[in-house]
Amino acid sequence: MDMPEDLLKLLAAILVGGLIGAEREFRDKAAGFRTLILICVGSTLFTLFSFRLSGAGDPARMAANIVTGIGFLGAGVILRDGGRITGLTTAATIWLVAALGVGIGGGFYELIALATVLIAIVLLAFPRFERWIDDQRAWHTYEIVFPVNRQKLRALEELFEEYQLHVRQRKRIRRGDRIICTWTAHGKPSDHELLVERLLADKDVEEFRF
């Protein structure tokens, strides 16, 4: 038993789990500072025990069981909120922190240090890039009611092209002398706002839902 090295590994697990956990805690996620430290330290301990207990056996067996156990833990933070699924990033972070703990237990310090830096960059810097992507593809559904008029229908279709909104789904219903049209389109939020202003100012549009 190499007590100084084992202690070093446990301290490294606390440091690595704490660094990643601090970011999750700052964003008020389900698995925060203490949780990720415990996961990382636990994975490190299981890995250390696997080397001690396996003897001439295969220590990778316990590592495989860690992956399975962490899968159940990660599934607990995934929630469905209406049409959205939340917690996937936190679940993936739990999975990664467990992998880092296994690596620390195995003594792969340089790889763990590099992986920790890369994970921190992904968690800290990539959300801005992710928001930028979302801003380029905001989805909205427009329901517009106006008198039967083919030229007006064509003009409304052209408005979406004018404001660079890409229509993915359209529906038209005629009720008496009125047409109810529904468009589902995506594009920049600023372009959606310009279209809304244009529609609100259109005297031929009797009803408008956005």
Protein backbone atom coordinates (compact mmCIF):
# COMPACT_ATOMS: atom_id res chain seq x y z
CA MET A 1 0.00 0.00 0.00
CA ASP A 2 1.44 3.37 -1.05
CA MET A 3 -0.26 5.75 1.38
CA PRO A 4 1.36 9.02 0.16
CA GLU A 5 0.42 8.31 -3.46
CA ASP A 6 -3.11 7.27 -2.51
CA LEU A 7 -3.52 10.48 -0.54
CA LEU A 8 -2.24 12.45 -3.53
CA LYS A 9 -4.83 10.77 -5.75
CA LEU A 10 -7.64 11.56 -3.33
CA LEU A 11 -6.56 15.20 -3.10
CA ALA A 12 -6.36 15.35 -6.89
CA ALA A 13 -9.90 13.92 -7.09
CA ILE A 14 -11.16 16.61 -4.70
CA LEU A 15 -9.44 19.31 -6.77
CA VAL A 16 -10.72 18.05 -10.14
CA GLY A 17 -14.25 17.38 -8.88
CA GLY A 18 -14.28 20.74 -7.13
CA LEU A 19 -13.16 22.69 -10.19
CA ILE A 20 -15.89 21.22 -12.39
CA GLY A 21 -18.43 21.23 -9.57
CA ALA A 22 -17.85 24.94 -8.94
CA GLU A 23 -19.00 25.73 -12.47
CA ARG A 24 -22.14 23.59 -12.04
CA GLU A 25 -22.82 25.19 -8.64
CA PHE A 26 -22.43 28.67 -10.11
CA ARG A 27 -25.08 27.83 -12.70
CA ASP A 28 -27.31 26.36 -9.97
CA LYS A 29 -27.47 22.89 -11.50
CA ALA A 30 -28.77 19.73 -9.82
CA ALA A 31 -25.29 18.21 -9.38
CA GLY A 32 -23.13 20.92 -7.85
CA PHE A 33 -19.88 21.42 -5.96
CA ARG A 34 -20.07 18.73 -3.25
CA THR A 35 -21.86 16.21 -5.45
CA LEU A 36 -19.20 16.19 -8.16
CA ILE A 37 -16.40 16.08 -5.59
CA LEU A 38 -18.00 13.00 -4.02
CA ILE A 39 -18.47 11.36 -7.42
CA CYS A 40 -14.85 11.98 -8.39
CA VAL A 41 -13.47 10.79 -5.04
CA GLY A 42 -15.78 7.75 -5.07
CA SER A 43 -14.66 6.74 -8.57
CA THR A 44 -11.02 7.16 -7.51
CA LEU A 45 -11.55 4.98 -4.43
CA PHE A 46 -13.32 2.25 -6.40
CA THR A 47 -10.44 2.24 -8.88
CA LEU A 48 -7.85 2.02 -6.10
CA PHE A 49 -9.80 -0.80 -4.45
CA SER A 50 -10.04 -2.66 -7.76
CA PHE A 51 -6.24 -2.74 -8.04
CA ARG A 52 -5.90 -3.90 -4.41
CA LEU A 53 -8.66 -6.53 -4.50
CA SER A 54 -8.31 -7.93 -8.00
CA GLY A 55 -4.89 -9.46 -7.44
CA ALA A 56 -4.13 -11.26 -10.65
CA GLY A 57 -7.67 -10.64 -11.89
CA ASP A 58 -8.99 -7.94 -14.15
CA PRO A 59 -9.22 -4.53 -12.41
CA ALA A 60 -11.15 -3.13 -15.39
CA ARG A 61 -14.25 -4.99 -14.19
CA MET A 62 -14.87 -2.55 -11.37
CA ALA A 63 -14.33 0.38 -13.73
CA ALA A 64 -17.04 -1.05 -15.97
CA ASN A 65 -19.37 -1.28 -12.97
CA ILE A 66 -18.62 2.36 -12.12
CA VAL A 67 -19.80 3.35 -15.60
CA THR A 68 -23.05 1.43 -15.07
CA GLY A 69 -23.66 2.90 -11.61
CA ILE A 70 -22.95 6.43 -12.72
CA GLY A 71 -25.41 5.95 -15.58
CA PHE A 72 -28.23 5.49 -13.04
CA LEU A 73 -27.07 8.53 -11.06
CA GLY A 74 -26.92 10.69 -14.19
CA ALA A 75 -30.39 9.58 -15.26
CA GLY A 76 -31.76 11.08 -12.05
CA VAL A 77 -30.94 14.64 -13.12
CA ILE A 78 -32.56 14.39 -16.57
CA LEU A 79 -36.03 15.93 -16.52
CA ARG A 80 -38.74 16.65 -19.06
CA ASP A 81 -40.04 20.21 -18.94
CA GLY A 82 -42.95 20.50 -21.36
CA GLY A 83 -41.49 19.91 -24.79
CA ARG A 84 -37.91 20.35 -23.56
CA ILE A 85 -35.51 17.93 -21.92
CA THR A 86 -33.27 19.45 -19.25
CA GLY A 87 -30.30 18.10 -17.29
CA LEU A 88 -28.49 16.36 -20.13
CA THR A 89 -25.36 18.50 -19.73
CA THR A 90 -25.30 17.89 -15.98
CA ALA A 91 -25.76 14.15 -16.53
CA ALA A 92 -22.89 14.13 -19.02
CA THR A 93 -20.76 16.10 -16.53
CA ILE A 94 -21.42 13.48 -13.84
CA TRP A 95 -20.35 10.77 -16.29
CA LEU A 96 -17.18 12.66 -17.20
CA VAL A 97 -16.25 13.41 -13.58
CA ALA A 98 -16.56 9.69 -12.80
CA ALA A 99 -14.24 8.96 -15.73
CA LEU A 100 -11.75 11.51 -14.36
CA GLY A 101 -11.91 9.80 -10.98
CA VAL A 102 -11.12 6.44 -12.57
CA GLY A 103 -8.19 8.04 -14.42
CA ILE A 104 -6.86 9.59 -11.21
CA GLY A 105 -7.10 6.22 -9.47
CA GLY A 106 -5.14 4.69 -12.34
CA GLY A 107 -2.43 7.36 -12.08
CA PHE A 108 -2.98 9.06 -15.45
CA TYR A 109 -2.24 12.52 -14.09
CA GLU A 110 -1.18 14.31 -17.28
CA LEU A 111 -4.19 13.03 -19.23
CA ILE A 112 -6.53 13.98 -16.37
CA ALA A 113 -5.06 17.49 -16.16
CA LEU A 114 -5.53 17.99 -19.90
CA ALA A 115 -9.06 16.56 -19.83
CA THR A 116 -10.02 18.80 -16.88
CA VAL A 117 -8.87 21.90 -18.73
CA LEU A 118 -10.76 20.89 -21.87
CA ILE A 119 -13.95 20.12 -19.91
CA ALA A 120 -13.71 23.47 -18.12
CA ILE A 121 -13.40 25.24 -21.46
CA VAL A 122 -16.46 23.40 -22.81
CA LEU A 123 -18.55 24.27 -19.73
CA LEU A 124 -17.43 27.89 -19.43
CA ALA A 125 -16.95 29.08 -23.01
CA PHE A 126 -19.27 26.97 -25.14
CA PRO A 127 -22.59 28.19 -23.63
CA ARG A 128 -22.04 31.55 -25.36
CA PHE A 129 -21.49 29.79 -28.66
CA GLU A 130 -24.55 27.63 -28.00
CA ARG A 131 -26.69 30.73 -27.36
CA TRP A 132 -25.37 32.28 -30.56
CA ILE A 133 -26.46 29.18 -32.50
CA ASP A 134 -29.90 29.32 -30.85
CA ASP A 135 -30.22 32.98 -31.82
CA GLN A 136 -29.73 32.05 -35.45
CA ARG A 137 -32.55 29.52 -35.39
CA ALA A 138 -35.40 30.88 -33.26
CA TRP A 139 -38.66 29.06 -34.10
CA HIS A 140 -42.07 30.76 -34.10
CA THR A 141 -45.54 29.91 -35.36
CA TYR A 142 -47.63 32.64 -36.98
CA GLU A 143 -51.40 32.43 -37.33
CA ILE A 144 -52.85 35.17 -39.55
CA VAL A 145 -56.49 35.81 -40.47
CA PHE A 146 -57.37 38.00 -43.46
CA PRO A 147 -60.10 38.28 -46.15
CA VAL A 148 -59.94 35.87 -49.09
CA ASN A 149 -57.39 37.39 -51.41
CA ARG A 150 -54.84 35.41 -53.42
CA GLN A 151 -52.61 38.43 -53.89
CA LYS A 152 -52.53 39.03 -50.12
CA LEU A 153 -51.65 35.40 -49.51
CA ARG A 154 -48.78 35.66 -51.98
CA ALA A 155 -47.63 38.92 -50.36
CA LEU A 156 -47.53 37.30 -46.91
CA GLU A 157 -45.50 34.40 -48.27
CA GLU A 158 -43.04 36.89 -49.74
CA LEU A 159 -42.73 38.65 -46.36
CA PHE A 160 -41.10 35.58 -44.85
CA GLU A 161 -38.56 35.54 -47.68
CA GLU A 162 -37.99 39.30 -47.32
CA TYR A 163 -37.10 38.92 -43.64
CA GLN A 164 -35.02 35.79 -44.28
CA LEU A 165 -37.28 33.51 -42.25
CA HIS A 166 -37.28 29.92 -43.45
CA VAL A 167 -40.75 28.37 -43.48
CA ARG A 168 -40.80 24.68 -42.58
CA GLN A 169 -44.53 24.16 -42.25
CA ARG A 170 -47.59 25.99 -43.59
CA LYS A 171 -51.31 25.43 -43.26
CA ARG A 172 -54.27 27.20 -44.91
CA ILE A 173 -57.94 27.04 -43.89
CA ARG A 174 -60.84 28.90 -45.49
CA ARG A 175 -63.84 29.84 -43.36
CA GLY A 176 -66.45 31.73 -45.28
CA ASP A 177 -64.82 34.84 -46.69
CA ARG A 178 -61.79 34.56 -44.38
CA ILE A 179 -58.50 32.67 -44.74
CA ILE A 180 -56.63 31.39 -41.69
CA CYS A 181 -52.98 30.76 -42.50
CA THR A 182 -50.40 29.23 -40.17
CA TRP A 183 -46.67 29.40 -40.83
CA THR A 184 -43.92 27.79 -38.74
CA ALA A 185 -40.61 29.46 -39.51
CA HIS A 186 -37.12 29.85 -38.07
CA GLY A 187 -34.56 32.60 -38.27
CA LYS A 188 -32.91 35.34 -36.22
CA PRO A 189 -34.99 36.81 -33.36
CA SER A 190 -34.43 40.30 -34.79
CA ASP A 191 -35.93 39.21 -38.12
CA HIS A 192 -38.95 37.75 -36.33
CA GLU A 193 -39.47 41.07 -34.55
CA LEU A 194 -39.34 43.01 -37.82
CA LEU A 195 -41.94 40.71 -39.35
CA VAL A 196 -44.23 41.09 -36.31
CA GLU A 197 -44.04 44.88 -36.58
CA ARG A 198 -44.87 44.68 -40.27
CA LEU A 199 -47.88 42.44 -39.64
CA LEU A 200 -49.20 44.60 -36.80
CA ALA A 201 -49.14 47.60 -39.11
CA ASP A 202 -50.91 45.74 -41.94
CA LYS A 203 -54.54 46.91 -42.19
CA ASP A 204 -55.59 43.83 -44.17
CA VAL A 205 -54.63 41.51 -41.29
CA GLU A 206 -57.73 41.08 -39.12
CA GLU A 207 -56.25 38.73 -36.51
CA PHE A 208 -52.70 37.82 -35.74
CA ARG A 209 -51.23 35.33 -33.27
CA PHE A 210 -47.51 34.87 -32.69
